[in-house]
N, C-alpha and C. Protein backbone atom coordinates (compact mmCIF):
# COMPACT_ATOMS: atom_id res chain seq x y z
N MET A 1 3.78 11.02 -12.22
CA MET A 1 5.13 11.23 -12.72
C MET A 1 5.81 12.27 -11.84
N ALA A 2 6.98 11.97 -11.38
CA ALA A 2 7.71 12.90 -10.52
C ALA A 2 8.86 13.51 -11.30
N GLY A 3 9.05 14.81 -11.12
CA GLY A 3 10.17 15.50 -11.72
C GLY A 3 10.91 16.27 -10.65
N ALA A 4 12.21 16.32 -10.70
CA ALA A 4 12.98 16.98 -9.65
C ALA A 4 13.49 18.33 -10.14
N LEU A 5 13.57 19.26 -9.22
CA LEU A 5 14.09 20.59 -9.51
C LEU A 5 14.82 21.07 -8.28
N ALA A 6 16.07 21.44 -8.41
CA ALA A 6 16.81 21.97 -7.27
C ALA A 6 16.42 23.42 -7.05
N LEU A 7 16.10 23.77 -5.83
CA LEU A 7 15.74 25.13 -5.48
C LEU A 7 16.83 25.73 -4.62
N GLY A 8 17.01 27.02 -4.68
CA GLY A 8 18.08 27.67 -3.94
C GLY A 8 17.63 28.24 -2.62
N CYS A 9 17.25 27.39 -1.68
CA CYS A 9 16.88 27.90 -0.36
C CYS A 9 17.52 27.03 0.71
N ASN A 10 17.84 27.63 1.82
CA ASN A 10 18.40 26.91 2.96
C ASN A 10 17.39 26.96 4.08
N ARG A 11 17.34 25.90 4.85
CA ARG A 11 16.39 25.82 5.94
C ARG A 11 17.12 25.48 7.23
N GLU A 12 16.69 26.09 8.29
CA GLU A 12 17.17 25.76 9.64
C GLU A 12 15.93 25.44 10.45
N THR A 13 16.01 24.43 11.30
CA THR A 13 14.87 24.15 12.15
C THR A 13 14.85 25.13 13.29
N GLY A 14 13.68 25.33 13.81
CA GLY A 14 13.51 26.26 14.93
C GLY A 14 13.75 25.56 16.25
N GLY A 15 12.86 25.77 17.17
CA GLY A 15 12.98 25.16 18.48
C GLY A 15 13.94 25.92 19.36
N ASP A 16 14.48 25.23 20.35
CA ASP A 16 15.35 25.89 21.31
C ASP A 16 16.80 25.96 20.83
N GLY A 17 17.07 25.43 19.64
CA GLY A 17 18.42 25.48 19.08
C GLY A 17 19.28 24.32 19.49
N ALA A 18 18.89 23.57 20.53
CA ALA A 18 19.68 22.44 20.98
C ALA A 18 19.48 21.29 20.01
N GLY A 19 20.55 20.89 19.34
CA GLY A 19 20.48 19.76 18.44
C GLY A 19 19.67 20.03 17.18
N ALA A 20 19.42 21.29 16.87
CA ALA A 20 18.64 21.61 15.68
C ALA A 20 19.42 21.21 14.44
N ALA A 21 18.72 20.58 13.50
CA ALA A 21 19.37 20.15 12.27
C ALA A 21 19.58 21.35 11.36
N SER A 22 20.64 21.32 10.62
CA SER A 22 20.92 22.33 9.62
C SER A 22 20.71 21.67 8.26
N TYR A 23 19.89 22.29 7.42
CA TYR A 23 19.51 21.69 6.15
C TYR A 23 20.19 22.39 4.98
N GLY A 24 20.45 21.62 3.94
CA GLY A 24 21.02 22.14 2.72
C GLY A 24 19.93 22.64 1.78
N GLU A 25 20.28 22.76 0.50
CA GLU A 25 19.33 23.25 -0.49
C GLU A 25 18.15 22.30 -0.64
N ALA A 26 16.98 22.89 -0.84
CA ALA A 26 15.77 22.09 -1.01
C ALA A 26 15.66 21.55 -2.44
N VAL A 27 14.96 20.45 -2.56
CA VAL A 27 14.66 19.84 -3.84
C VAL A 27 13.15 19.89 -4.00
N GLY A 28 12.68 20.28 -5.17
CA GLY A 28 11.24 20.32 -5.44
C GLY A 28 10.84 19.18 -6.34
N VAL A 29 9.71 18.56 -6.02
CA VAL A 29 9.18 17.44 -6.79
C VAL A 29 7.69 17.67 -6.96
N GLU A 30 7.17 17.42 -8.15
CA GLU A 30 5.73 17.47 -8.36
C GLU A 30 5.23 16.07 -8.65
N LEU A 31 4.21 15.65 -7.90
CA LEU A 31 3.56 14.37 -8.16
C LEU A 31 2.31 14.68 -8.97
N SER A 32 2.39 14.46 -10.26
CA SER A 32 1.24 14.71 -11.11
C SER A 32 0.67 13.38 -11.59
N GLY A 33 -0.56 13.42 -11.98
CA GLY A 33 -1.19 12.22 -12.51
C GLY A 33 -1.55 11.21 -11.45
N ARG A 34 -1.56 11.64 -10.18
CA ARG A 34 -1.96 10.69 -9.14
C ARG A 34 -3.48 10.58 -9.15
N SER A 35 -3.96 9.42 -8.87
CA SER A 35 -5.41 9.20 -8.92
C SER A 35 -5.81 8.48 -7.66
N PRO A 36 -6.79 8.90 -6.90
CA PRO A 36 -7.50 10.16 -7.12
C PRO A 36 -6.70 11.32 -6.56
N GLY A 37 -7.08 12.48 -6.92
CA GLY A 37 -6.49 13.68 -6.33
C GLY A 37 -5.69 14.52 -7.29
N PRO A 38 -5.57 15.79 -6.94
CA PRO A 38 -4.81 16.74 -7.76
C PRO A 38 -3.30 16.55 -7.55
N PRO A 39 -2.49 17.15 -8.42
CA PRO A 39 -1.04 17.05 -8.27
C PRO A 39 -0.57 17.70 -6.97
N LEU A 40 0.48 17.14 -6.41
CA LEU A 40 1.09 17.68 -5.19
C LEU A 40 2.44 18.28 -5.51
N ALA A 41 2.77 19.38 -4.83
CA ALA A 41 4.10 19.97 -4.89
C ALA A 41 4.80 19.63 -3.58
N ILE A 42 5.98 19.09 -3.69
CA ILE A 42 6.75 18.67 -2.52
C ILE A 42 8.11 19.36 -2.55
N ALA A 43 8.48 19.98 -1.45
CA ALA A 43 9.83 20.54 -1.31
C ALA A 43 10.45 19.86 -0.10
N PHE A 44 11.65 19.34 -0.26
CA PHE A 44 12.30 18.72 0.90
C PHE A 44 13.78 19.06 0.92
N ALA A 45 14.30 19.08 2.12
CA ALA A 45 15.72 19.35 2.33
C ALA A 45 16.24 18.31 3.32
N VAL A 46 17.52 18.02 3.21
CA VAL A 46 18.15 17.03 4.09
C VAL A 46 19.32 17.69 4.83
N THR A 47 19.84 16.97 5.78
CA THR A 47 20.97 17.43 6.58
C THR A 47 22.04 18.04 5.65
N ARG A 48 22.49 19.23 6.02
CA ARG A 48 23.50 19.95 5.22
C ARG A 48 24.69 19.03 4.97
N GLY A 49 25.15 19.04 3.72
CA GLY A 49 26.30 18.22 3.35
C GLY A 49 25.92 16.87 2.78
N ARG A 50 24.65 16.51 2.85
CA ARG A 50 24.18 15.23 2.31
C ARG A 50 23.50 15.47 0.96
N ASP A 51 23.50 14.47 0.11
CA ASP A 51 22.91 14.57 -1.22
C ASP A 51 21.47 14.05 -1.20
N PRO A 52 20.48 14.92 -1.46
CA PRO A 52 19.09 14.48 -1.41
C PRO A 52 18.65 13.72 -2.66
N ARG A 53 19.39 13.82 -3.76
CA ARG A 53 18.93 13.25 -5.02
C ARG A 53 18.64 11.75 -5.00
N PRO A 54 19.44 10.92 -4.32
CA PRO A 54 19.13 9.48 -4.33
C PRO A 54 17.78 9.14 -3.71
N MET A 55 17.29 9.99 -2.81
CA MET A 55 16.04 9.65 -2.11
C MET A 55 14.79 10.16 -2.81
N VAL A 56 14.92 10.92 -3.91
CA VAL A 56 13.74 11.49 -4.57
C VAL A 56 12.70 10.42 -4.92
N PRO A 57 13.04 9.34 -5.63
CA PRO A 57 11.99 8.37 -5.99
C PRO A 57 11.32 7.71 -4.80
N SER A 58 12.11 7.28 -3.80
CA SER A 58 11.51 6.58 -2.66
C SER A 58 10.71 7.53 -1.78
N LEU A 59 11.15 8.78 -1.62
CA LEU A 59 10.39 9.75 -0.82
C LEU A 59 9.10 10.13 -1.54
N ALA A 60 9.16 10.36 -2.84
CA ALA A 60 7.95 10.70 -3.61
C ALA A 60 6.93 9.56 -3.52
N SER A 61 7.39 8.34 -3.63
CA SER A 61 6.50 7.18 -3.54
C SER A 61 5.86 7.09 -2.15
N ALA A 62 6.66 7.30 -1.11
CA ALA A 62 6.13 7.24 0.26
C ALA A 62 5.08 8.32 0.50
N LEU A 63 5.33 9.54 -0.01
CA LEU A 63 4.38 10.63 0.20
C LEU A 63 3.11 10.44 -0.63
N GLU A 64 3.23 9.83 -1.79
CA GLU A 64 2.03 9.52 -2.57
C GLU A 64 1.18 8.50 -1.82
N THR A 65 1.82 7.53 -1.19
CA THR A 65 1.09 6.55 -0.38
C THR A 65 0.39 7.23 0.79
N VAL A 66 1.06 8.18 1.43
CA VAL A 66 0.44 8.94 2.52
C VAL A 66 -0.82 9.65 2.02
N ALA A 67 -0.71 10.33 0.88
CA ALA A 67 -1.85 11.08 0.34
C ALA A 67 -3.02 10.14 0.00
N LEU A 68 -2.72 8.95 -0.45
CA LEU A 68 -3.77 8.00 -0.81
C LEU A 68 -4.40 7.32 0.40
N GLN A 69 -3.62 7.08 1.45
CA GLN A 69 -4.11 6.31 2.59
C GLN A 69 -4.53 7.15 3.79
N CYS A 70 -4.23 8.43 3.79
CA CYS A 70 -4.53 9.27 4.96
C CYS A 70 -5.49 10.39 4.56
N PRO A 71 -6.80 10.16 4.72
CA PRO A 71 -7.78 11.15 4.26
C PRO A 71 -7.67 12.51 4.94
N ASP A 72 -7.35 12.57 6.23
CA ASP A 72 -7.21 13.87 6.90
C ASP A 72 -6.05 14.67 6.31
N PHE A 73 -4.96 13.99 6.01
CA PHE A 73 -3.82 14.63 5.37
C PHE A 73 -4.23 15.16 4.00
N ASP A 74 -4.87 14.32 3.21
CA ASP A 74 -5.27 14.72 1.86
C ASP A 74 -6.27 15.88 1.89
N ARG A 75 -7.21 15.86 2.85
CA ARG A 75 -8.18 16.96 2.97
C ARG A 75 -7.49 18.27 3.35
N ALA A 76 -6.51 18.21 4.25
CA ALA A 76 -5.78 19.42 4.64
C ALA A 76 -5.07 20.03 3.44
N ILE A 77 -4.46 19.19 2.63
CA ILE A 77 -3.77 19.67 1.43
C ILE A 77 -4.80 20.26 0.46
N ALA A 78 -5.94 19.58 0.30
CA ALA A 78 -6.99 20.07 -0.61
C ALA A 78 -7.53 21.43 -0.17
N ARG A 79 -7.50 21.70 1.16
CA ARG A 79 -7.94 23.01 1.68
C ARG A 79 -6.91 24.11 1.43
N GLY A 80 -5.79 23.76 0.87
CA GLY A 80 -4.75 24.75 0.58
C GLY A 80 -3.69 24.86 1.66
N GLU A 81 -3.73 23.99 2.66
CA GLU A 81 -2.72 24.03 3.71
C GLU A 81 -1.41 23.41 3.21
N THR A 82 -0.32 23.83 3.81
CA THR A 82 0.97 23.21 3.57
C THR A 82 1.27 22.34 4.77
N ALA A 83 1.52 21.07 4.53
CA ALA A 83 1.83 20.15 5.62
C ALA A 83 3.34 19.98 5.71
N ARG A 84 3.88 20.11 6.92
CA ARG A 84 5.30 19.90 7.15
C ARG A 84 5.47 18.56 7.87
N ILE A 85 6.39 17.77 7.36
CA ILE A 85 6.72 16.48 7.96
C ILE A 85 8.22 16.47 8.21
N GLU A 86 8.61 16.17 9.44
CA GLU A 86 10.03 16.06 9.77
C GLU A 86 10.35 14.60 10.01
N LEU A 87 11.42 14.13 9.37
CA LEU A 87 11.77 12.72 9.39
C LEU A 87 13.23 12.52 9.77
N ARG A 88 13.51 11.32 10.23
CA ARG A 88 14.89 10.87 10.48
C ARG A 88 15.03 9.57 9.72
N ALA A 89 15.96 9.51 8.77
CA ALA A 89 16.13 8.32 7.95
C ALA A 89 17.47 7.67 8.21
N THR A 90 17.45 6.35 8.27
CA THR A 90 18.67 5.55 8.29
C THR A 90 18.55 4.61 7.08
N PRO A 91 19.61 3.91 6.73
CA PRO A 91 19.49 3.01 5.59
C PRO A 91 18.42 1.93 5.76
N SER A 92 18.02 1.64 7.00
CA SER A 92 17.05 0.57 7.22
C SER A 92 15.70 1.02 7.76
N SER A 93 15.51 2.31 8.05
CA SER A 93 14.23 2.73 8.60
C SER A 93 13.97 4.22 8.41
N LEU A 94 12.71 4.57 8.55
CA LEU A 94 12.27 5.96 8.47
C LEU A 94 11.42 6.22 9.70
N ARG A 95 11.72 7.28 10.42
CA ARG A 95 10.97 7.66 11.62
C ARG A 95 10.46 9.08 11.46
N SER A 96 9.23 9.32 11.84
CA SER A 96 8.68 10.67 11.77
C SER A 96 8.72 11.31 13.14
N LYS A 97 8.89 12.62 13.15
CA LYS A 97 8.84 13.37 14.40
C LYS A 97 7.40 13.77 14.63
N GLU A 98 7.12 14.66 15.55
CA GLU A 98 5.74 15.07 15.85
C GLU A 98 5.01 15.59 14.63
N LEU A 99 3.78 15.14 14.46
CA LEU A 99 2.94 15.55 13.34
C LEU A 99 1.61 16.05 13.86
N SER A 100 1.01 16.99 13.16
CA SER A 100 -0.26 17.57 13.55
C SER A 100 -1.40 16.56 13.41
N ALA A 101 -2.20 16.41 14.46
CA ALA A 101 -3.35 15.50 14.42
C ALA A 101 -4.37 15.95 13.40
N LYS A 102 -4.54 17.27 13.24
CA LYS A 102 -5.55 17.76 12.29
C LYS A 102 -5.15 17.47 10.85
N ARG A 103 -3.90 17.17 10.63
CA ARG A 103 -3.44 16.81 9.29
C ARG A 103 -3.19 15.30 9.18
N GLY A 104 -3.84 14.53 10.03
CA GLY A 104 -3.73 13.09 9.95
C GLY A 104 -2.41 12.54 10.44
N GLY A 105 -1.85 13.18 11.48
CA GLY A 105 -0.53 12.80 11.98
C GLY A 105 -0.36 11.33 12.30
N ALA A 106 -1.34 10.73 12.96
CA ALA A 106 -1.22 9.31 13.33
C ALA A 106 -1.18 8.43 12.08
N CYS A 107 -2.01 8.73 11.11
CA CYS A 107 -2.03 7.96 9.87
C CYS A 107 -0.72 8.16 9.11
N VAL A 108 -0.27 9.40 9.00
CA VAL A 108 0.99 9.68 8.29
C VAL A 108 2.13 8.90 8.94
N ARG A 109 2.18 8.94 10.26
CA ARG A 109 3.22 8.21 10.98
C ARG A 109 3.15 6.71 10.69
N SER A 110 1.95 6.14 10.74
CA SER A 110 1.82 4.69 10.52
C SER A 110 2.21 4.30 9.10
N VAL A 111 1.92 5.15 8.12
CA VAL A 111 2.30 4.85 6.74
C VAL A 111 3.81 4.97 6.54
N LEU A 112 4.42 5.98 7.13
CA LEU A 112 5.84 6.23 6.90
C LEU A 112 6.78 5.37 7.74
N GLU A 113 6.38 5.05 8.98
CA GLU A 113 7.26 4.30 9.88
C GLU A 113 7.68 2.98 9.23
N GLY A 114 8.95 2.73 9.23
CA GLY A 114 9.47 1.48 8.71
C GLY A 114 9.79 1.50 7.23
N LYS A 115 9.28 2.48 6.48
CA LYS A 115 9.66 2.59 5.07
C LYS A 115 11.14 2.95 5.02
N THR A 116 11.75 2.72 3.89
CA THR A 116 13.16 3.08 3.74
C THR A 116 13.31 4.06 2.59
N LEU A 117 14.31 4.91 2.70
CA LEU A 117 14.69 5.83 1.64
C LEU A 117 16.07 5.45 1.15
N THR A 118 16.32 5.66 -0.12
CA THR A 118 17.65 5.44 -0.66
C THR A 118 18.50 6.64 -0.24
N LEU A 119 19.55 6.38 0.53
CA LEU A 119 20.41 7.44 1.05
C LEU A 119 21.73 7.49 0.29
N ASP A 120 22.45 8.58 0.50
CA ASP A 120 23.76 8.76 -0.13
C ASP A 120 24.89 8.15 0.68
N GLY A 121 24.58 7.50 1.78
CA GLY A 121 25.60 6.89 2.64
C GLY A 121 24.94 6.06 3.72
N THR A 122 25.72 5.72 4.75
CA THR A 122 25.20 4.86 5.81
C THR A 122 24.81 5.63 7.06
N GLU A 123 25.20 6.89 7.16
CA GLU A 123 24.87 7.70 8.34
C GLU A 123 23.42 8.18 8.28
N PRO A 124 22.75 8.31 9.45
CA PRO A 124 21.37 8.83 9.47
C PRO A 124 21.31 10.24 8.87
N VAL A 125 20.15 10.60 8.36
CA VAL A 125 19.95 11.91 7.76
C VAL A 125 18.60 12.46 8.23
N ASP A 126 18.57 13.75 8.55
CA ASP A 126 17.31 14.42 8.88
C ASP A 126 16.71 14.96 7.60
N VAL A 127 15.39 14.86 7.50
CA VAL A 127 14.68 15.31 6.31
C VAL A 127 13.51 16.16 6.75
N VAL A 128 13.33 17.33 6.13
CA VAL A 128 12.16 18.16 6.37
C VAL A 128 11.43 18.27 5.03
N VAL A 129 10.11 18.04 5.07
CA VAL A 129 9.30 17.99 3.86
C VAL A 129 8.11 18.92 4.00
N ASP A 130 7.85 19.74 2.98
CA ASP A 130 6.64 20.54 2.89
C ASP A 130 5.84 20.03 1.71
N VAL A 131 4.54 19.76 1.94
CA VAL A 131 3.66 19.25 0.88
C VAL A 131 2.49 20.21 0.74
N ARG A 132 2.15 20.55 -0.49
CA ARG A 132 0.99 21.39 -0.77
C ARG A 132 0.45 21.02 -2.15
N LEU A 133 -0.70 21.62 -2.52
CA LEU A 133 -1.23 21.42 -3.86
C LEU A 133 -0.29 22.06 -4.87
N ALA A 134 -0.10 21.41 -5.99
CA ALA A 134 0.68 22.00 -7.07
C ALA A 134 -0.16 23.08 -7.73
N SER A 135 0.47 24.17 -8.06
CA SER A 135 -0.23 25.27 -8.71
C SER A 135 -0.16 25.08 -10.22
N PRO A 136 -1.31 25.08 -10.91
CA PRO A 136 -1.26 24.89 -12.36
C PRO A 136 -0.54 26.02 -13.09
N GLU A 137 -0.49 27.21 -12.49
CA GLU A 137 0.18 28.35 -13.12
C GLU A 137 1.67 28.38 -12.89
N ALA A 138 2.13 27.65 -11.87
CA ALA A 138 3.55 27.72 -11.49
C ALA A 138 4.43 27.03 -12.54
N SER A 139 5.58 27.62 -12.79
CA SER A 139 6.53 27.01 -13.72
C SER A 139 7.45 26.04 -12.99
N THR A 140 7.46 26.10 -11.66
CA THR A 140 8.26 25.17 -10.85
C THR A 140 7.35 24.59 -9.78
N PRO A 141 7.69 23.39 -9.26
CA PRO A 141 6.85 22.75 -8.25
C PRO A 141 6.71 23.56 -6.97
N TRP A 142 7.68 24.41 -6.64
CA TRP A 142 7.59 25.09 -5.34
C TRP A 142 7.80 26.55 -5.44
């Protein structure tokens, strides 16, 4: 079961600053009741000025598939690591940027490539996602 919570944080990508995406407020989602595996906490932000809410169900579903099909990714999360995934979404496709091999980058890419997200318009959108174990003590997913 996924639940959404708007969080008040802004994100900017690093790098050399050339063409760096500017992100709006993050949205937090908890994937609980997934089997096998513990609940996941997901925080994601999209290109500033875009509405992330329409993509919550499709993004949560895609990330649950990643956790189920990519054992290196799932093991990294189980070790307490936070995995960052950077994506570019259009109405007809999803593309991932560079991903860490130790966190199952090739598998994550193969699962996500070609999936679609429900967007708030027709223009491409950049998405940055952080995934970690959900904390049982936390009152919010992130």
